[in-house]
N, C-alpha and C. Protein backbone atom coordinates (compact mmCIF):
# COMPACT_ATOMS: atom_id res chain seq x y z
N UNK A 1 202.97 117.15 131.73
CA UNK A 1 201.62 117.36 132.51
C UNK A 1 200.55 118.25 131.11
N UNK A 2 201.15 119.08 130.57
CA UNK A 2 200.18 119.07 128.57
C UNK A 2 200.50 118.07 128.46
N UNK A 3 201.00 117.10 128.05
CA UNK A 3 200.17 116.09 127.12
C UNK A 3 199.06 115.44 127.34
N UNK A 4 199.16 115.48 128.81
CA UNK A 4 198.70 114.03 129.08
C UNK A 4 196.89 114.85 129.19
N UNK A 5 196.90 116.64 129.40
CA UNK A 5 194.86 116.61 129.70
C UNK A 5 194.91 116.89 128.16
N UNK A 6 195.17 116.85 127.44
CA UNK A 6 195.08 117.01 126.07
C UNK A 6 193.53 115.97 125.66
N UNK A 7 194.60 114.83 125.43
CA UNK A 7 193.74 112.77 125.58
C UNK A 7 192.25 112.76 127.03
N UNK A 8 192.91 113.32 127.26
CA UNK A 8 191.91 113.12 128.58
C UNK A 8 191.17 114.04 128.60
N UNK A 9 190.89 114.45 128.03
CA UNK A 9 190.18 116.29 127.76
C UNK A 9 188.89 115.75 126.30
N UNK A 10 189.85 115.24 125.29
CA UNK A 10 189.62 114.75 124.68
C UNK A 10 187.86 113.53 124.78
N UNK A 11 188.76 112.32 125.56
CA UNK A 11 188.20 111.37 126.26
C UNK A 11 186.91 111.32 126.47
N UNK A 12 186.70 112.23 127.89
CA UNK A 12 185.78 113.06 128.45
C UNK A 12 185.07 113.81 127.85
N UNK A 13 185.50 114.11 126.86
CA UNK A 13 184.51 114.91 126.12
C UNK A 13 182.53 114.09 125.09
N UNK A 14 183.39 113.17 126.01
CA UNK A 14 182.45 111.87 124.21
C UNK A 14 181.47 111.95 126.00
N UNK A 15 181.11 112.93 126.11
CA UNK A 15 180.35 112.28 127.41
C UNK A 15 180.01 112.18 129.07
N UNK A 16 179.66 112.12 130.16
CA UNK A 16 179.11 112.41 130.80
C UNK A 16 179.16 110.62 131.74
N UNK A 17 179.63 110.78 132.81
CA UNK A 17 179.72 109.20 133.89
C UNK A 17 180.61 108.18 134.46
N UNK A 18 180.38 107.48 134.57
CA UNK A 18 181.09 107.01 135.10
C UNK A 18 182.74 106.05 134.52
N UNK A 19 182.02 105.00 133.33
CA UNK A 19 182.94 104.61 132.37
C UNK A 19 183.75 105.05 131.75
N UNK A 20 182.83 106.49 130.93
CA UNK A 20 184.14 107.55 130.81
C UNK A 20 185.11 107.32 130.93
N UNK A 21 184.88 108.26 132.34
CA UNK A 21 185.63 108.74 133.32
C UNK A 21 186.53 107.60 133.21
N UNK A 22 186.26 106.74 133.06
CA UNK A 22 187.10 105.57 133.07
C UNK A 22 187.94 105.32 132.30
N UNK A 23 187.46 105.35 131.19
CA UNK A 23 187.88 104.35 129.82
C UNK A 23 189.06 105.82 129.59
N UNK A 24 188.49 106.74 129.93
CA UNK A 24 189.84 108.12 129.66
C UNK A 24 190.88 107.60 131.17
N UNK A 25 190.20 107.19 131.97
CA UNK A 25 191.75 107.11 132.91
C UNK A 25 193.18 106.15 132.17
N UNK A 26 191.92 104.95 132.23
CA UNK A 26 192.47 103.60 131.37
C UNK A 26 193.33 103.91 129.73
N UNK A 27 192.95 104.92 128.78
CA UNK A 27 193.90 105.64 127.59
C UNK A 27 194.92 105.97 128.70
N UNK A 28 194.65 106.97 129.32
CA UNK A 28 196.13 107.97 129.50
C UNK A 28 196.90 107.30 129.72
N UNK A 29 197.02 106.68 130.93
CA UNK A 29 198.01 105.88 132.15
C UNK A 29 198.59 104.89 130.93
N UNK A 30 197.96 103.39 129.63
CA UNK A 30 198.70 102.88 129.58
C UNK A 30 200.56 102.68 129.46
N UNK A 31 200.76 103.98 128.35
CA UNK A 31 201.44 104.07 128.76
C UNK A 31 202.81 103.82 130.47
N UNK A 32 202.30 104.74 131.12
CA UNK A 32 202.80 104.32 132.22
C UNK A 32 202.88 102.89 132.92
N UNK A 33 201.92 102.39 132.93
CA UNK A 33 201.47 100.78 133.88
C UNK A 33 202.38 99.82 132.44
N UNK A 34 202.39 100.01 131.50
CA UNK A 34 203.38 99.22 130.58
C UNK A 34 205.09 100.09 131.06
N UNK A 35 205.16 100.97 131.11
CA UNK A 35 206.72 100.41 131.48
C UNK A 35 206.88 99.64 132.76
N UNK A 36 205.95 100.34 133.67
CA UNK A 36 206.33 98.86 134.72
C UNK A 36 206.21 97.93 134.47
N UNK A 37 205.17 96.88 134.19
CA UNK A 37 204.65 95.64 132.95
C UNK A 37 206.60 95.45 132.44
N UNK A 38 207.13 95.95 131.63
CA UNK A 38 208.33 95.95 130.64
C UNK A 38 209.33 95.42 131.80
N UNK A 39 209.61 96.72 132.59
CA UNK A 39 210.71 96.98 133.59
C UNK A 39 210.15 95.05 134.86
N UNK A 40 209.56 94.98 134.90
CA UNK A 40 209.83 94.02 135.74
C UNK A 40 209.77 92.69 135.18
N UNK A 41 208.98 92.58 133.90
CA UNK A 41 209.38 90.96 133.79
C UNK A 41 210.95 91.39 133.29
N UNK A 42 210.94 91.95 132.68
CA UNK A 42 213.47 92.35 132.26
C UNK A 42 213.80 91.81 133.80
N UNK A 43 213.02 92.00 134.83
CA UNK A 43 213.93 92.23 136.09
C UNK A 43 213.81 90.58 135.97
N UNK A 44 212.04 90.45 135.92
CA UNK A 44 211.92 88.51 137.13
C UNK A 44 212.82 87.84 135.79
N UNK A 45 212.81 87.27 134.57
CA UNK A 45 213.03 87.49 133.50
C UNK A 45 214.81 86.48 134.81
N UNK A 46 214.94 87.15 134.74
CA UNK A 46 216.63 87.07 134.61
C UNK A 46 216.81 85.99 136.55
N UNK A 47 215.55 86.27 136.76
CA UNK A 47 216.06 85.19 138.24
C UNK A 47 216.68 84.06 137.94
N UNK A 48 216.72 83.66 139.37
CA UNK A 48 217.10 82.49 138.68
C UNK A 48 216.21 81.26 139.46
N UNK A 49 214.99 80.85 140.27
CA UNK A 49 214.27 80.04 139.18
C UNK A 49 213.52 80.54 138.05
N UNK A 50 213.11 81.62 137.41
CA UNK A 50 213.11 81.40 136.01
C UNK A 50 213.74 80.17 134.57
N UNK A 51 215.11 80.84 135.49
CA UNK A 51 216.02 80.34 134.60
C UNK A 51 215.96 78.63 135.19
N UNK A 52 215.88 78.12 136.30
CA UNK A 52 215.69 76.99 136.61
C UNK A 52 214.41 76.07 135.89
N UNK A 53 213.65 77.17 136.91
CA UNK A 53 212.58 75.91 135.58
C UNK A 53 212.75 76.23 133.17
N UNK A 54 213.23 77.35 132.89
CA UNK A 54 213.32 76.94 131.95
C UNK A 54 214.50 76.10 131.67
N UNK A 55 215.71 75.54 132.66
CA UNK A 55 216.72 74.06 131.28
C UNK A 55 216.05 72.85 132.08
N UNK A 56 214.57 72.95 133.23
CA UNK A 56 213.90 71.97 133.43
C UNK A 56 213.16 71.22 131.89
N UNK A 57 212.97 72.47 131.41
CA UNK A 57 212.50 72.34 130.05
C UNK A 57 211.23 72.83 129.64
N UNK A 58 211.06 73.53 131.26
CA UNK A 58 209.32 73.45 130.40
C UNK A 58 208.87 75.31 129.89
N UNK A 59 207.72 75.12 129.49
CA UNK A 59 206.87 75.29 127.96
C UNK A 59 207.80 77.00 128.47
N UNK A 60 207.65 77.52 127.42
CA UNK A 60 207.42 79.40 127.34
C UNK A 60 206.43 79.96 128.01
N UNK A 61 205.20 79.41 127.45
CA UNK A 61 203.60 79.60 128.03
C UNK A 61 203.64 79.01 129.81
N UNK A 62 203.60 78.84 129.58
CA UNK A 62 203.63 77.68 131.38
C UNK A 62 204.64 79.11 131.33
N UNK A 63 206.16 78.67 131.49
CA UNK A 63 206.30 80.26 132.08
C UNK A 63 206.40 81.71 132.62
N UNK A 64 205.94 81.40 131.11
CA UNK A 64 205.62 83.79 131.25
C UNK A 64 204.03 83.66 132.33
N UNK A 65 203.12 82.08 132.09
CA UNK A 65 201.32 82.56 133.29
C UNK A 65 201.87 81.78 134.24
N UNK A 66 203.38 81.44 134.23
CA UNK A 66 203.11 80.27 136.34
C UNK A 66 204.23 81.39 136.49
N UNK A 67 205.48 81.99 136.06
CA UNK A 67 206.85 82.32 136.89
C UNK A 67 206.50 83.78 136.50
N UNK A 68 206.38 84.35 135.54
CA UNK A 68 206.73 85.47 135.03
C UNK A 68 205.54 86.64 135.67
N UNK A 69 204.46 86.35 134.93
CA UNK A 69 203.12 87.22 134.87
C UNK A 69 203.09 87.16 137.36
N UNK A 70 202.73 85.34 137.55
CA UNK A 70 202.61 85.96 138.48
C UNK A 70 203.60 87.65 139.94
N UNK A 71 204.62 87.30 138.93
CA UNK A 71 205.99 87.99 139.57
C UNK A 71 205.57 89.68 139.22
N UNK A 72 205.11 90.00 138.06
CA UNK A 72 204.78 91.45 137.59
C UNK A 72 203.27 91.66 138.20
N UNK A 73 202.52 91.21 138.30
CA UNK A 73 201.11 92.45 139.36
C UNK A 73 201.34 92.22 140.48
N UNK A 74 202.64 92.16 141.63
CA UNK A 74 202.77 93.22 142.67
C UNK A 74 202.31 94.71 141.86
N UNK A 75 203.79 94.91 141.47
CA UNK A 75 204.16 95.98 141.38
C UNK A 75 203.48 96.80 140.71
N UNK A 76 201.94 96.57 139.75
CA UNK A 76 200.96 96.73 138.85
C UNK A 76 199.77 97.38 139.84
N UNK A 77 199.39 95.93 140.82
CA UNK A 77 198.87 96.39 142.03
C UNK A 77 199.04 97.64 142.76
N UNK A 78 200.60 97.78 142.68
CA UNK A 78 200.25 98.72 143.53
C UNK A 78 200.51 100.04 143.21
N UNK A 79 201.05 100.72 142.04
CA UNK A 79 200.68 101.88 140.97
C UNK A 79 199.29 101.61 140.64
N UNK A 80 198.84 100.99 140.01
CA UNK A 80 197.14 101.70 140.67
C UNK A 80 196.41 102.26 141.73
N UNK A 81 197.28 101.16 142.77
CA UNK A 81 195.94 101.92 143.59
C UNK A 81 196.49 103.18 144.19
N UNK A 82 197.96 103.93 144.18
CA UNK A 82 198.81 104.53 144.20
C UNK A 82 198.06 105.60 143.28
N UNK A 83 197.61 105.40 141.99
CA UNK A 83 197.24 106.33 141.09
C UNK A 83 195.92 106.71 141.33
N UNK A 84 194.77 105.54 142.21
CA UNK A 84 194.09 105.90 141.87
C UNK A 84 193.45 106.68 143.69
N UNK A 85 194.54 106.99 144.40
CA UNK A 85 195.07 107.95 145.91
C UNK A 85 194.87 109.07 145.06
N UNK A 86 195.63 109.10 144.23
CA UNK A 86 196.85 110.01 143.79
C UNK A 86 194.74 111.65 143.15
N UNK A 87 193.87 110.37 142.45
CA UNK A 87 193.58 111.03 141.47
C UNK A 87 192.08 111.05 143.13
N UNK A 88 191.63 110.23 143.98
CA UNK A 88 190.10 110.70 144.72
C UNK A 88 190.96 111.67 145.52
N UNK A 89 192.11 112.02 146.25
CA UNK A 89 192.83 112.71 147.05
C UNK A 89 193.76 114.14 146.91
N UNK A 90 193.80 114.39 146.15
CA UNK A 90 194.61 115.29 145.36
C UNK A 90 195.57 116.64 146.66
N UNK A 91 196.86 116.90 146.23
CA UNK A 91 197.03 117.78 147.65
C UNK A 91 197.20 118.56 146.68
């Protein structure tokens, strides 16, 4: 908890406003979302449909964009929604 307050206060110290607050939250939460994306990518890479697409000769870029990225968005959207809800209505 203590490690997150410092950077947040330094960024918000740049001035009042919605944009500065949003930038501060984004910078502080990058590691959190990065861990979610990494874990999801590692899980999706090992699924059967990704392996079968790779066996059919699909390029790595198309494989990443069509198969892996689409299936990684859902957990990130859920995490963002819960994070926003936690900031709007703290308990």
